[in-house]
Amino acid sequence: MVLLVHELDDGTRHFDWLIQRPQASAAAGAPIVPLDPEARELLSFRVAERMDGARASKFAATRMDNHRNLYLTYSGPIAGGRGSVRQVARGTVLEVQELEGAIAIRGAFLRGERYLWAGMAQGGQSEWAFQRSRRLGGTGGGSGSADNGGSIATDMTGWGTYGAAAFLGGV
């Protein structure tokens, strides 16, 4: 997962939160298959402010079309006069659960603090409201870091409106 600052030619900016779904082969211990840089596989959300810091417990986001995998490592101009992007945060996604109008993402930015981000569509599929959990046990932000178990279902226990039942159908 990465967070990019997207600076537009008109001087405005926003952030693009791009989320790579974990590869099934990685969970099974098989070698990780290199990503096709042109494949549009990254879950993509536009956010007004950085959401990787300690104070970003709730934030609004706009769902965008999936972005190409190349944006996991790309910084620079975007074709067609759409400005430029620069990576401001990078992390690891441990698990993603997607349902119609809901998503839960368990992972960590490079500081190593593991969190759960839960989002729900608001009156359609483009505008979303996210809530980030308190810090979860374990770390997960760097190469080779331990997951220390856990799952979205257990990490969401006690979230009320944002609880596991709302996202995982009562699991």
Protein backbone atom coordinates (compact mmCIF):
# COMPACT_ATOMS: atom_id res chain seq x y z
CA MET A 1 0.00 0.00 0.00
CA VAL A 2 1.17 3.51 -0.72
CA LEU A 3 -0.01 7.05 -0.06
CA LEU A 4 0.78 9.50 -2.86
CA VAL A 5 0.47 13.27 -2.80
CA HIS A 6 -1.14 14.20 -6.13
CA GLU A 7 -0.37 17.79 -7.10
CA LEU A 8 -2.50 19.11 -9.94
CA ASP A 9 -1.47 21.69 -12.52
CA ASP A 10 -3.96 24.21 -11.04
CA GLY A 11 -2.00 24.21 -7.75
CA THR A 12 -4.46 22.05 -5.76
CA ARG A 13 -3.54 18.73 -4.23
CA HIS A 14 -5.02 15.64 -2.63
CA PHE A 15 -3.72 12.23 -1.59
CA ASP A 16 -4.20 8.92 -3.39
CA TRP A 17 -4.36 5.86 -1.10
CA LEU A 18 -3.53 2.81 -3.21
CA ILE A 19 -4.03 -0.64 -1.72
CA GLN A 20 -2.58 -3.84 -3.10
CA ARG A 21 -4.60 -6.93 -2.23
CA PRO A 22 -2.34 -9.58 -0.68
CA GLN A 23 -1.43 -12.35 -3.10
CA ALA A 24 -2.98 -15.70 -2.24
CA SER A 25 0.28 -17.42 -3.14
CA ALA A 26 2.16 -15.41 -0.48
CA ALA A 27 -0.19 -16.61 2.26
CA ALA A 28 0.32 -20.23 1.18
CA GLY A 29 4.12 -19.86 1.28
CA ALA A 30 4.56 -20.04 -2.50
CA PRO A 31 6.86 -17.60 -4.29
CA ILE A 32 5.35 -14.17 -4.89
CA VAL A 33 4.59 -13.59 -8.58
CA PRO A 34 5.86 -10.23 -9.87
CA LEU A 35 3.05 -7.77 -10.58
CA ASP A 36 2.21 -6.67 -14.10
CA PRO A 37 2.91 -2.91 -13.84
CA GLU A 38 0.13 -2.09 -16.34
CA ALA A 39 -2.61 -4.16 -14.65
CA ARG A 40 -5.22 -2.03 -12.87
CA GLU A 41 -5.32 -3.98 -9.60
CA LEU A 42 -4.80 -1.35 -6.89
CA LEU A 43 -7.85 -0.41 -4.84
CA SER A 44 -7.82 3.38 -5.01
CA PHE A 45 -9.23 6.13 -2.81
CA ARG A 46 -8.75 9.92 -2.94
CA VAL A 47 -8.42 11.59 0.45
CA ALA A 48 -8.10 15.29 1.27
CA GLU A 49 -5.49 14.89 4.01
CA ARG A 50 -2.90 12.33 5.01
CA MET A 51 -4.51 9.36 6.71
CA ASP A 52 -1.37 7.50 7.77
CA GLY A 53 -0.73 9.52 10.94
CA ALA A 54 -1.83 9.03 14.52
CA ARG A 55 -4.57 11.70 14.36
CA ALA A 56 -6.38 10.33 11.30
CA SER A 57 -8.84 8.04 13.08
CA LYS A 58 -11.81 9.02 10.86
CA PHE A 59 -11.70 10.38 7.33
CA ALA A 60 -13.73 10.71 4.15
CA ALA A 61 -12.55 9.22 0.87
CA THR A 62 -13.67 9.07 -2.74
CA ARG A 63 -13.44 5.69 -4.46
CA MET A 64 -11.63 5.91 -7.78
CA ASP A 65 -11.16 3.36 -10.52
CA ASN A 66 -8.44 0.85 -9.73
CA HIS A 67 -4.97 2.20 -10.50
CA ARG A 68 -2.11 0.47 -12.28
CA ASN A 69 0.38 -1.47 -10.19
CA LEU A 70 3.20 0.79 -11.39
CA TYR A 71 2.01 3.46 -8.94
CA LEU A 72 3.34 1.35 -6.05
CA THR A 73 6.80 2.66 -6.99
CA TYR A 74 6.19 5.60 -9.38
CA SER A 75 6.84 9.26 -8.60
CA GLY A 76 6.72 11.90 -11.30
CA PRO A 77 4.48 13.59 -13.88
CA ILE A 78 1.20 12.03 -15.03
CA ALA A 79 0.39 12.13 -18.74
CA GLY A 80 -2.39 14.32 -20.08
CA GLY A 81 -1.72 17.38 -17.91
CA ARG A 82 -2.99 15.65 -14.76
CA GLY A 83 -0.19 16.89 -12.52
CA SER A 84 2.35 14.76 -10.70
CA VAL A 85 2.51 12.25 -7.84
CA ARG A 86 5.07 11.65 -5.11
CA GLN A 87 5.08 8.86 -2.55
CA VAL A 88 4.76 10.10 1.05
CA ALA A 89 4.09 6.77 2.83
CA ARG A 90 4.48 3.07 2.10
CA GLY A 91 3.30 0.00 3.94
CA THR A 92 2.15 -3.59 3.93
CA VAL A 93 -1.38 -4.96 3.54
CA LEU A 94 -1.98 -8.12 5.54
CA GLU A 95 -5.63 -8.73 4.66
CA VAL A 96 -8.49 -7.15 2.69
CA GLN A 97 -12.19 -8.01 3.03
CA GLU A 98 -14.55 -6.52 0.45
CA LEU A 99 -18.33 -6.61 0.39
CA GLU A 100 -20.86 -4.55 -1.52
CA GLY A 101 -20.44 -1.06 -0.04
CA ALA A 102 -17.93 -2.06 2.64
CA ILE A 103 -14.22 -2.74 2.93
CA ALA A 104 -11.83 -3.64 5.74
CA ILE A 105 -8.05 -3.40 5.36
CA ARG A 106 -5.58 -4.73 7.92
CA GLY A 107 -2.01 -3.53 7.52
CA ALA A 108 0.72 -1.12 8.53
CA PHE A 109 2.65 1.81 7.16
CA LEU A 110 6.43 1.61 7.49
CA ARG A 111 6.46 2.93 11.05
CA GLY A 112 5.35 -0.62 11.84
CA GLU A 113 2.17 0.14 13.76
CA ARG A 114 -0.53 -2.24 12.57
CA TYR A 115 -4.07 -0.89 12.11
CA LEU A 116 -7.43 -1.85 10.70
CA TRP A 117 -9.15 0.59 8.35
CA ALA A 118 -12.88 0.00 7.91
CA GLY A 119 -14.84 1.87 5.26
CA MET A 120 -18.48 2.08 4.27
CA ALA A 121 -19.97 3.61 1.13
CA GLN A 122 -22.14 6.64 1.82
CA GLY A 123 -25.19 6.95 -0.46
CA GLY A 124 -23.62 5.27 -3.48
CA GLN A 125 -20.30 3.72 -4.36
CA SER A 126 -18.04 6.77 -4.75
CA GLU A 127 -18.13 8.53 -1.35
CA TRP A 128 -16.83 6.53 1.63
CA ALA A 129 -16.42 7.05 5.37
CA PHE A 130 -13.42 5.34 6.99
CA GLN A 131 -12.52 4.66 10.58
CA ARG A 132 -9.10 3.49 11.70
CA SER A 133 -8.70 1.24 14.73
CA ARG A 134 -6.45 1.86 17.68
CA ARG A 135 -3.04 0.29 17.23
CA LEU A 136 -3.35 -3.48 16.95
CA GLY A 137 -0.93 -5.97 18.46
CA GLY A 138 2.18 -6.86 16.46
CA THR A 139 3.92 -5.05 13.69
CA GLY A 140 3.64 -5.33 9.96
CA GLY A 141 5.13 -2.37 8.19
CA GLY A 142 8.44 -3.61 6.94
CA SER A 143 9.89 -6.36 4.86
CA GLY A 144 9.94 -9.59 6.83
CA SER A 145 8.04 -8.16 9.80
CA ALA A 146 5.82 -10.46 11.79
CA ASP A 147 2.05 -10.43 11.52
CA ASN A 148 1.59 -12.00 14.98
CA GLY A 149 -1.75 -13.53 13.98
CA GLY A 150 -5.09 -11.83 14.14
CA SER A 151 -7.68 -11.27 11.46
CA ILE A 152 -10.13 -8.62 10.38
CA ALA A 153 -12.94 -10.45 12.19
CA THR A 154 -11.11 -10.52 15.53
CA ASP A 155 -9.63 -7.03 15.14
CA MET A 156 -13.13 -5.53 14.57
CA THR A 157 -14.67 -6.97 17.73
CA GLY A 158 -16.42 -4.22 19.67
CA TRP A 159 -16.55 -1.65 16.86
CA GLY A 160 -20.34 -1.19 17.01
CA THR A 161 -21.50 0.35 13.72
CA TYR A 162 -18.14 -0.45 12.17
CA GLY A 163 -18.17 -3.95 13.70
CA ALA A 164 -17.36 -7.26 12.12
CA ALA A 165 -21.04 -8.12 11.61
CA ALA A 166 -21.49 -5.11 9.31
CA PHE A 167 -18.49 -6.07 7.19
CA LEU A 168 -18.25 -9.82 7.39
CA GLY A 169 -21.88 -10.83 7.51
CA GLY A 170 -21.79 -11.90 11.13
CA VAL A 171 -18.58 -13.96 10.95
